Amino acid sequence: IGVKKSARGKGLLRKALSELCGDMP
């Protein structure tokens, strides 16, 4: 997983994991 430096701090990591994994380990 990589986030553009200009887009960091926007919670994109959290959002991506939430959308793709939901409640899975």
mmCIF file of all heavy atoms, coordinates in Angstrom:
data_MODEL
# 
_entry.id   MODEL 
# 
loop_
_atom_site.group_PDB 
_atom_site.id 
_atom_site.type_symbol 
_atom_site.label_atom_id 
_atom_site.label_alt_id 
_atom_site.label_comp_id 
_atom_site.label_asym_id 
_atom_site.label_entity_id 
_atom_site.label_seq_id 
_atom_site.pdbx_PDB_ins_code 
_atom_site.Cartn_x 
_atom_site.Cartn_y 
_atom_site.Cartn_z 
_atom_site.occupancy 
_atom_site.B_iso_or_equiv 
_atom_site.pdbx_formal_charge 
_atom_site.auth_seq_id 
_atom_site.auth_comp_id 
_atom_site.auth_asym_id 
_atom_site.auth_atom_id 
_atom_site.pdbx_PDB_model_num 
ATOM 1   N N   . ILE A 1 1  ? 0.856   -1.182  0.000  1.00 0.00 ? 1  ILE A N   1 
ATOM 2   C CA  . ILE A 1 1  ? 0.000   0.000   0.000  1.00 0.00 ? 1  ILE A CA  1 
ATOM 3   C C   . ILE A 1 1  ? 0.892   1.231   0.000  1.00 0.00 ? 1  ILE A C   1 
ATOM 4   O O   . ILE A 1 1  ? 1.874   1.295   0.744  1.00 0.00 ? 1  ILE A O   1 
ATOM 5   C CB  . ILE A 1 1  ? -0.990  0.029   1.190  1.00 0.00 ? 1  ILE A CB  1 
ATOM 6   C CG1 . ILE A 1 1  ? -1.960  1.200   1.039  1.00 0.00 ? 1  ILE A CG1 1 
ATOM 7   C CG2 . ILE A 1 1  ? -0.265  0.067   2.523  1.00 0.00 ? 1  ILE A CG2 1 
ATOM 8   C CD1 . ILE A 1 1  ? -3.201  1.104   1.904  1.00 0.00 ? 1  ILE A CD1 1 
ATOM 9   N N   . GLY A 1 2  ? 0.591   2.159   -0.878 1.00 0.00 ? 2  GLY A N   1 
ATOM 10  C CA  . GLY A 1 2  ? 1.329   3.403   -0.949 1.00 0.00 ? 2  GLY A CA  1 
ATOM 11  C C   . GLY A 1 2  ? 0.374   4.563   -1.133 1.00 0.00 ? 2  GLY A C   1 
ATOM 12  O O   . GLY A 1 2  ? -0.606  4.455   -1.869 1.00 0.00 ? 2  GLY A O   1 
ATOM 13  N N   . VAL A 1 3  ? 0.658   5.658   -0.442 1.00 0.00 ? 3  VAL A N   1 
ATOM 14  C CA  . VAL A 1 3  ? -0.158  6.865   -0.535 1.00 0.00 ? 3  VAL A CA  1 
ATOM 15  C C   . VAL A 1 3  ? 0.737   8.006   -1.003 1.00 0.00 ? 3  VAL A C   1 
ATOM 16  O O   . VAL A 1 3  ? 1.847   8.186   -0.485 1.00 0.00 ? 3  VAL A O   1 
ATOM 17  C CB  . VAL A 1 3  ? -0.797  7.222   0.823  1.00 0.00 ? 3  VAL A CB  1 
ATOM 18  C CG1 . VAL A 1 3  ? -1.632  8.493   0.706  1.00 0.00 ? 3  VAL A CG1 1 
ATOM 19  C CG2 . VAL A 1 3  ? -1.651  6.073   1.333  1.00 0.00 ? 3  VAL A CG2 1 
ATOM 20  N N   . LYS A 1 4  ? 0.272   8.759   -1.982 1.00 0.00 ? 4  LYS A N   1 
ATOM 21  C CA  . LYS A 1 4  ? 1.042   9.912   -2.450 1.00 0.00 ? 4  LYS A CA  1 
ATOM 22  C C   . LYS A 1 4  ? 1.366   10.829  -1.273 1.00 0.00 ? 4  LYS A C   1 
ATOM 23  O O   . LYS A 1 4  ? 0.542   11.041  -0.388 1.00 0.00 ? 4  LYS A O   1 
ATOM 24  C CB  . LYS A 1 4  ? 0.246   10.699  -3.494 1.00 0.00 ? 4  LYS A CB  1 
ATOM 25  C CG  . LYS A 1 4  ? 0.208   10.085  -4.871 1.00 0.00 ? 4  LYS A CG  1 
ATOM 26  C CD  . LYS A 1 4  ? -0.539  11.013  -5.823 1.00 0.00 ? 4  LYS A CD  1 
ATOM 27  C CE  . LYS A 1 4  ? -0.608  10.419  -7.226 1.00 0.00 ? 4  LYS A CE  1 
ATOM 28  N NZ  . LYS A 1 4  ? -1.381  11.299  -8.142 1.00 0.00 ? 4  LYS A NZ  1 
ATOM 29  N N   . LYS A 1 5  ? 2.559   11.399  -1.301 1.00 0.00 ? 5  LYS A N   1 
ATOM 30  C CA  . LYS A 1 5  ? 2.960   12.279  -0.208 1.00 0.00 ? 5  LYS A CA  1 
ATOM 31  C C   . LYS A 1 5  ? 1.989   13.438  -0.047 1.00 0.00 ? 5  LYS A C   1 
ATOM 32  O O   . LYS A 1 5  ? 1.693   13.862  1.068  1.00 0.00 ? 5  LYS A O   1 
ATOM 33  C CB  . LYS A 1 5  ? 4.376   12.797  -0.460 1.00 0.00 ? 5  LYS A CB  1 
ATOM 34  C CG  . LYS A 1 5  ? 5.442   11.710  -0.373 1.00 0.00 ? 5  LYS A CG  1 
ATOM 35  C CD  . LYS A 1 5  ? 6.829   12.264  -0.610 1.00 0.00 ? 5  LYS A CD  1 
ATOM 36  C CE  . LYS A 1 5  ? 7.875   11.158  -0.491 1.00 0.00 ? 5  LYS A CE  1 
ATOM 37  N NZ  . LYS A 1 5  ? 9.247   11.673  -0.718 1.00 0.00 ? 5  LYS A NZ  1 
ATOM 38  N N   . SER A 1 6  ? 1.467   13.945  -1.168 1.00 0.00 ? 6  SER A N   1 
ATOM 39  C CA  . SER A 1 6  ? 0.549   15.090  -1.118 1.00 0.00 ? 6  SER A CA  1 
ATOM 40  C C   . SER A 1 6  ? -0.817  14.732  -0.544 1.00 0.00 ? 6  SER A C   1 
ATOM 41  O O   . SER A 1 6  ? -1.608  15.610  -0.213 1.00 0.00 ? 6  SER A O   1 
ATOM 42  C CB  . SER A 1 6  ? 0.373   15.678  -2.523 1.00 0.00 ? 6  SER A CB  1 
ATOM 43  O OG  . SER A 1 6  ? -0.178  14.714  -3.403 1.00 0.00 ? 6  SER A OG  1 
ATOM 44  N N   . ALA A 1 7  ? -1.119  13.415  -0.444 1.00 0.00 ? 7  ALA A N   1 
ATOM 45  C CA  . ALA A 1 7  ? -2.437  12.979  0.029  1.00 0.00 ? 7  ALA A CA  1 
ATOM 46  C C   . ALA A 1 7  ? -2.386  12.341  1.412  1.00 0.00 ? 7  ALA A C   1 
ATOM 47  O O   . ALA A 1 7  ? -3.400  11.841  1.899  1.00 0.00 ? 7  ALA A O   1 
ATOM 48  C CB  . ALA A 1 7  ? -3.048  12.001  -0.970 1.00 0.00 ? 7  ALA A CB  1 
ATOM 49  N N   . ARG A 1 8  ? -1.240  12.359  2.052  1.00 0.00 ? 8  ARG A N   1 
ATOM 50  C CA  . ARG A 1 8  ? -1.125  11.730  3.356  1.00 0.00 ? 8  ARG A CA  1 
ATOM 51  C C   . ARG A 1 8  ? -1.823  12.563  4.425  1.00 0.00 ? 8  ARG A C   1 
ATOM 52  O O   . ARG A 1 8  ? -1.962  13.768  4.295  1.00 0.00 ? 8  ARG A O   1 
ATOM 53  C CB  . ARG A 1 8  ? 0.352   11.524  3.703  1.00 0.00 ? 8  ARG A CB  1 
ATOM 54  C CG  . ARG A 1 8  ? 0.984   10.468  2.797  1.00 0.00 ? 8  ARG A CG  1 
ATOM 55  C CD  . ARG A 1 8  ? 2.458   10.296  3.017  1.00 0.00 ? 8  ARG A CD  1 
ATOM 56  N NE  . ARG A 1 8  ? 3.000   9.336   2.052  1.00 0.00 ? 8  ARG A NE  1 
ATOM 57  C CZ  . ARG A 1 8  ? 4.288   9.054   1.912  1.00 0.00 ? 8  ARG A CZ  1 
ATOM 58  N NH1 . ARG A 1 8  ? 5.187   9.652   2.682  1.00 0.00 ? 8  ARG A NH1 1 
ATOM 59  N NH2 . ARG A 1 8  ? 4.682   8.189   1.002  1.00 0.00 ? 8  ARG A NH2 1 
ATOM 60  N N   . GLY A 1 9  ? -2.271  11.877  5.461  1.00 0.00 ? 9  GLY A N   1 
ATOM 61  C CA  . GLY A 1 9  ? -2.990  12.551  6.537  1.00 0.00 ? 9  GLY A CA  1 
ATOM 62  C C   . GLY A 1 9  ? -4.482  12.667  6.302  1.00 0.00 ? 9  GLY A C   1 
ATOM 63  O O   . GLY A 1 9  ? -5.196  13.274  7.108  1.00 0.00 ? 9  GLY A O   1 
ATOM 64  N N   . LYS A 1 10 ? -4.982  12.079  5.215  1.00 0.00 ? 10 LYS A N   1 
ATOM 65  C CA  . LYS A 1 10 ? -6.401  12.151  4.889  1.00 0.00 ? 10 LYS A CA  1 
ATOM 66  C C   . LYS A 1 10 ? -7.166  10.877  5.267  1.00 0.00 ? 10 LYS A C   1 
ATOM 67  O O   . LYS A 1 10 ? -8.347  10.754  4.963  1.00 0.00 ? 10 LYS A O   1 
ATOM 68  C CB  . LYS A 1 10 ? -6.587  12.425  3.392  1.00 0.00 ? 10 LYS A CB  1 
ATOM 69  C CG  . LYS A 1 10 ? -5.997  13.751  2.922  1.00 0.00 ? 10 LYS A CG  1 
ATOM 70  C CD  . LYS A 1 10 ? -6.219  13.942  1.426  1.00 0.00 ? 10 LYS A CD  1 
ATOM 71  C CE  . LYS A 1 10 ? -5.642  15.270  0.944  1.00 0.00 ? 10 LYS A CE  1 
ATOM 72  N NZ  . LYS A 1 10 ? -5.846  15.469  -0.518 1.00 0.00 ? 10 LYS A NZ  1 
ATOM 73  N N   . GLY A 1 11 ? -6.486  9.931   5.868  1.00 0.00 ? 11 GLY A N   1 
ATOM 74  C CA  . GLY A 1 11 ? -7.154  8.699   6.277  1.00 0.00 ? 11 GLY A CA  1 
ATOM 75  C C   . GLY A 1 11 ? -7.372  7.703   5.155  1.00 0.00 ? 11 GLY A C   1 
ATOM 76  O O   . GLY A 1 11 ? -8.223  6.818   5.271  1.00 0.00 ? 11 GLY A O   1 
ATOM 77  N N   . LEU A 1 12 ? -6.602  7.820   4.053  1.00 0.00 ? 12 LEU A N   1 
ATOM 78  C CA  . LEU A 1 12 ? -6.819  6.918   2.915  1.00 0.00 ? 12 LEU A CA  1 
ATOM 79  C C   . LEU A 1 12 ? -6.472  5.471   3.249  1.00 0.00 ? 12 LEU A C   1 
ATOM 80  O O   . LEU A 1 12 ? -7.100  4.543   2.727  1.00 0.00 ? 12 LEU A O   1 
ATOM 81  C CB  . LEU A 1 12 ? -6.005  7.401   1.709  1.00 0.00 ? 12 LEU A CB  1 
ATOM 82  C CG  . LEU A 1 12 ? -6.441  8.740   1.110  1.00 0.00 ? 12 LEU A CG  1 
ATOM 83  C CD1 . LEU A 1 12 ? -5.540  9.116   -0.063 1.00 0.00 ? 12 LEU A CD1 1 
ATOM 84  C CD2 . LEU A 1 12 ? -7.894  8.684   0.655  1.00 0.00 ? 12 LEU A CD2 1 
ATOM 85  N N   . LEU A 1 13 ? -5.468  5.268   4.093  1.00 0.00 ? 13 LEU A N   1 
ATOM 86  C CA  . LEU A 1 13 ? -5.118  3.909   4.504  1.00 0.00 ? 13 LEU A CA  1 
ATOM 87  C C   . LEU A 1 13 ? -6.286  3.267   5.228  1.00 0.00 ? 13 LEU A C   1 
ATOM 88  O O   . LEU A 1 13 ? -6.716  2.163   4.905  1.00 0.00 ? 13 LEU A O   1 
ATOM 89  C CB  . LEU A 1 13 ? -3.888  3.942   5.407  1.00 0.00 ? 13 LEU A CB  1 
ATOM 90  C CG  . LEU A 1 13 ? -3.525  2.648   6.137  1.00 0.00 ? 13 LEU A CG  1 
ATOM 91  C CD1 . LEU A 1 13 ? -3.244  1.531   5.145  1.00 0.00 ? 13 LEU A CD1 1 
ATOM 92  C CD2 . LEU A 1 13 ? -2.326  2.868   7.050  1.00 0.00 ? 13 LEU A CD2 1 
ATOM 93  N N   . ARG A 1 14 ? -6.832  3.965   6.201  1.00 0.00 ? 14 ARG A N   1 
ATOM 94  C CA  . ARG A 1 14 ? -7.973  3.446   6.968  1.00 0.00 ? 14 ARG A CA  1 
ATOM 95  C C   . ARG A 1 14 ? -9.157  3.159   6.051  1.00 0.00 ? 14 ARG A C   1 
ATOM 96  O O   . ARG A 1 14 ? -9.814  2.110   6.156  1.00 0.00 ? 14 ARG A O   1 
ATOM 97  C CB  . ARG A 1 14 ? -8.368  4.452   8.045  1.00 0.00 ? 14 ARG A CB  1 
ATOM 98  C CG  . ARG A 1 14 ? -9.556  4.024   8.895  1.00 0.00 ? 14 ARG A CG  1 
ATOM 99  C CD  . ARG A 1 14 ? -9.975  5.120   9.848  1.00 0.00 ? 14 ARG A CD  1 
ATOM 100 N NE  . ARG A 1 14 ? -8.978  5.367   10.867 1.00 0.00 ? 14 ARG A NE  1 
ATOM 101 C CZ  . ARG A 1 14 ? -8.950  4.745   12.041 1.00 0.00 ? 14 ARG A CZ  1 
ATOM 102 N NH1 . ARG A 1 14 ? -9.870  3.839   12.339 1.00 0.00 ? 14 ARG A NH1 1 
ATOM 103 N NH2 . ARG A 1 14 ? -8.024  5.027   12.929 1.00 0.00 ? 14 ARG A NH2 1 
ATOM 104 N N   . LYS A 1 15 ? -9.452  4.099   5.137  1.00 0.00 ? 15 LYS A N   1 
ATOM 105 C CA  . LYS A 1 15 ? -10.601 3.935   4.247  1.00 0.00 ? 15 LYS A CA  1 
ATOM 106 C C   . LYS A 1 15 ? -10.443 2.724   3.336  1.00 0.00 ? 15 LYS A C   1 
ATOM 107 O O   . LYS A 1 15 ? -11.375 1.945   3.127  1.00 0.00 ? 15 LYS A O   1 
ATOM 108 C CB  . LYS A 1 15 ? -10.791 5.194   3.411  1.00 0.00 ? 15 LYS A CB  1 
ATOM 109 C CG  . LYS A 1 15 ? -11.201 6.421   4.215  1.00 0.00 ? 15 LYS A CG  1 
ATOM 110 C CD  . LYS A 1 15 ? -11.155 7.661   3.348  1.00 0.00 ? 15 LYS A CD  1 
ATOM 111 C CE  . LYS A 1 15 ? -11.352 8.924   4.185  1.00 0.00 ? 15 LYS A CE  1 
ATOM 112 N NZ  . LYS A 1 15 ? -11.178 10.158  3.388  1.00 0.00 ? 15 LYS A NZ  1 
ATOM 113 N N   . ALA A 1 16 ? -9.222  2.572   2.778  1.00 0.00 ? 16 ALA A N   1 
ATOM 114 C CA  . ALA A 1 16 ? -8.998  1.451   1.867  1.00 0.00 ? 16 ALA A CA  1 
ATOM 115 C C   . ALA A 1 16 ? -9.171  0.112   2.584  1.00 0.00 ? 16 ALA A C   1 
ATOM 116 O O   . ALA A 1 16 ? -9.825  -0.806  2.072  1.00 0.00 ? 16 ALA A O   1 
ATOM 117 C CB  . ALA A 1 16 ? -7.608  1.551   1.247  1.00 0.00 ? 16 ALA A CB  1 
ATOM 118 N N   . LEU A 1 17 ? -8.597  -0.008  3.772  1.00 0.00 ? 17 LEU A N   1 
ATOM 119 C CA  . LEU A 1 17 ? -8.725  -1.261  4.514  1.00 0.00 ? 17 LEU A CA  1 
ATOM 120 C C   . LEU A 1 17 ? -10.172 -1.517  4.916  1.00 0.00 ? 17 LEU A C   1 
ATOM 121 O O   . LEU A 1 17 ? -10.652 -2.656  4.881  1.00 0.00 ? 17 LEU A O   1 
ATOM 122 C CB  . LEU A 1 17 ? -7.833  -1.228  5.757  1.00 0.00 ? 17 LEU A CB  1 
ATOM 123 C CG  . LEU A 1 17 ? -6.321  -1.174  5.501  1.00 0.00 ? 17 LEU A CG  1 
ATOM 124 C CD1 . LEU A 1 17 ? -5.569  -1.198  6.822  1.00 0.00 ? 17 LEU A CD1 1 
ATOM 125 C CD2 . LEU A 1 17 ? -5.870  -2.317  4.604  1.00 0.00 ? 17 LEU A CD2 1 
ATOM 126 N N   . SER A 1 18 ? -10.880 -0.462  5.288  1.00 0.00 ? 18 SER A N   1 
ATOM 127 C CA  . SER A 1 18 ? -12.283 -0.611  5.667  1.00 0.00 ? 18 SER A CA  1 
ATOM 128 C C   . SER A 1 18 ? -13.115 -1.102  4.491  1.00 0.00 ? 18 SER A C   1 
ATOM 129 O O   . SER A 1 18 ? -13.932 -2.021  4.622  1.00 0.00 ? 18 SER A O   1 
ATOM 130 C CB  . SER A 1 18 ? -12.815 0.722   6.185  1.00 0.00 ? 18 SER A CB  1 
ATOM 131 O OG  . SER A 1 18 ? -14.194 0.631   6.481  1.00 0.00 ? 18 SER A OG  1 
ATOM 132 N N   . GLU A 1 19 ? -12.924 -0.498  3.333  1.00 0.00 ? 19 GLU A N   1 
ATOM 133 C CA  . GLU A 1 19 ? -13.730 -0.857  2.164  1.00 0.00 ? 19 GLU A CA  1 
ATOM 134 C C   . GLU A 1 19 ? -13.410 -2.255  1.658  1.00 0.00 ? 19 GLU A C   1 
ATOM 135 O O   . GLU A 1 19 ? -14.305 -2.999  1.250  1.00 0.00 ? 19 GLU A O   1 
ATOM 136 C CB  . GLU A 1 19 ? -13.500 0.161   1.052  1.00 0.00 ? 19 GLU A CB  1 
ATOM 137 C CG  . GLU A 1 19 ? -14.057 1.546   1.362  1.00 0.00 ? 19 GLU A CG  1 
ATOM 138 C CD  . GLU A 1 19 ? -13.972 2.475   0.168  1.00 0.00 ? 19 GLU A CD  1 
ATOM 139 O OE1 . GLU A 1 19 ? -14.103 1.994   -0.972 1.00 0.00 ? 19 GLU A OE1 1 
ATOM 140 O OE2 . GLU A 1 19 ? -13.768 3.671   0.380  1.00 0.00 ? 19 GLU A OE2 1 
ATOM 141 N N   . LEU A 1 20 ? -12.143 -2.620  1.671  1.00 0.00 ? 20 LEU A N   1 
ATOM 142 C CA  . LEU A 1 20 ? -11.745 -3.882  1.063  1.00 0.00 ? 20 LEU A CA  1 
ATOM 143 C C   . LEU A 1 20 ? -11.855 -5.077  2.008  1.00 0.00 ? 20 LEU A C   1 
ATOM 144 O O   . LEU A 1 20 ? -12.072 -6.196  1.550  1.00 0.00 ? 20 LEU A O   1 
ATOM 145 C CB  . LEU A 1 20 ? -10.308 -3.782  0.540  1.00 0.00 ? 20 LEU A CB  1 
ATOM 146 C CG  . LEU A 1 20 ? -10.120 -2.847  -0.652 1.00 0.00 ? 20 LEU A CG  1 
ATOM 147 C CD1 . LEU A 1 20 ? -8.633  -2.620  -0.920 1.00 0.00 ? 20 LEU A CD1 1 
ATOM 148 C CD2 . LEU A 1 20 ? -10.792 -3.416  -1.900 1.00 0.00 ? 20 LEU A CD2 1 
ATOM 149 N N   . CYS A 1 21 ? -11.711 -4.835  3.306  1.00 0.00 ? 21 CYS A N   1 
ATOM 150 C CA  . CYS A 1 21 ? -11.658 -5.957  4.249  1.00 0.00 ? 21 CYS A CA  1 
ATOM 151 C C   . CYS A 1 21 ? -12.829 -6.022  5.218  1.00 0.00 ? 21 CYS A C   1 
ATOM 152 O O   . CYS A 1 21 ? -13.103 -7.096  5.764  1.00 0.00 ? 21 CYS A O   1 
ATOM 153 C CB  . CYS A 1 21 ? -10.355 -5.899  5.053  1.00 0.00 ? 21 CYS A CB  1 
ATOM 154 S SG  . CYS A 1 21 ? -8.891  -6.092  4.032  1.00 0.00 ? 21 CYS A SG  1 
ATOM 155 N N   . GLY A 1 22 ? -13.497 -4.889  5.457  1.00 0.00 ? 22 GLY A N   1 
ATOM 156 C CA  . GLY A 1 22 ? -14.579 -4.926  6.420  1.00 0.00 ? 22 GLY A CA  1 
ATOM 157 C C   . GLY A 1 22 ? -14.114 -5.438  7.760  1.00 0.00 ? 22 GLY A C   1 
ATOM 158 O O   . GLY A 1 22 ? -13.164 -4.918  8.340  1.00 0.00 ? 22 GLY A O   1 
ATOM 159 N N   . ASP A 1 23 ? -14.754 -6.508  8.255  1.00 0.00 ? 23 ASP A N   1 
ATOM 160 C CA  . ASP A 1 23 ? -14.412 -7.025  9.574  1.00 0.00 ? 23 ASP A CA  1 
ATOM 161 C C   . ASP A 1 23 ? -13.480 -8.233  9.522  1.00 0.00 ? 23 ASP A C   1 
ATOM 162 O O   . ASP A 1 23 ? -13.258 -8.892  10.532 1.00 0.00 ? 23 ASP A O   1 
ATOM 163 C CB  . ASP A 1 23 ? -15.688 -7.388  10.345 1.00 0.00 ? 23 ASP A CB  1 
ATOM 164 C CG  . ASP A 1 23 ? -16.483 -8.495  9.650  1.00 0.00 ? 23 ASP A CG  1 
ATOM 165 O OD1 . ASP A 1 23 ? -16.286 -8.693  8.437  1.00 0.00 ? 23 ASP A OD1 1 
ATOM 166 O OD2 . ASP A 1 23 ? -17.303 -9.151  10.325 1.00 0.00 ? 23 ASP A OD2 1 
ATOM 167 N N   . MET A 1 24 ? -12.898 -8.532  8.356  1.00 0.00 ? 24 MET A N   1 
ATOM 168 C CA  . MET A 1 24 ? -12.019 -9.695  8.250  1.00 0.00 ? 24 MET A CA  1 
ATOM 169 C C   . MET A 1 24 ? -10.664 -9.438  8.899  1.00 0.00 ? 24 MET A C   1 
ATOM 170 O O   . MET A 1 24 ? -10.183 -8.305  8.934  1.00 0.00 ? 24 MET A O   1 
ATOM 171 C CB  . MET A 1 24 ? -11.817 -10.067 6.775  1.00 0.00 ? 24 MET A CB  1 
ATOM 172 C CG  . MET A 1 24 ? -13.046 -10.665 6.108  1.00 0.00 ? 24 MET A CG  1 
ATOM 173 S SD  . MET A 1 24 ? -12.688 -11.330 4.461  1.00 0.00 ? 24 MET A SD  1 
ATOM 174 C CE  . MET A 1 24 ? -12.495 -9.805  3.529  1.00 0.00 ? 24 MET A CE  1 
ATOM 175 N N   . PRO A 1 25 ? -10.008 -10.472 9.384  1.00 0.00 ? 25 PRO A N   1 
ATOM 176 C CA  . PRO A 1 25 ? -8.645  -10.325 9.886  1.00 0.00 ? 25 PRO A CA  1 
ATOM 177 C C   . PRO A 1 25 ? -7.717  -9.877  8.746  1.00 0.00 ? 25 PRO A C   1 
ATOM 178 O O   . PRO A 1 25 ? -7.927  -10.246 7.588  1.00 0.00 ? 25 PRO A O   1 
ATOM 179 C CB  . PRO A 1 25 ? -8.278  -11.735 10.367 1.00 0.00 ? 25 PRO A CB  1 
ATOM 180 C CG  . PRO A 1 25 ? -9.581  -12.438 10.548 1.00 0.00 ? 25 PRO A CG  1 
ATOM 181 C CD  . PRO A 1 25 ? -10.506 -11.861 9.527  1.00 0.00 ? 25 PRO A CD  1 
# 
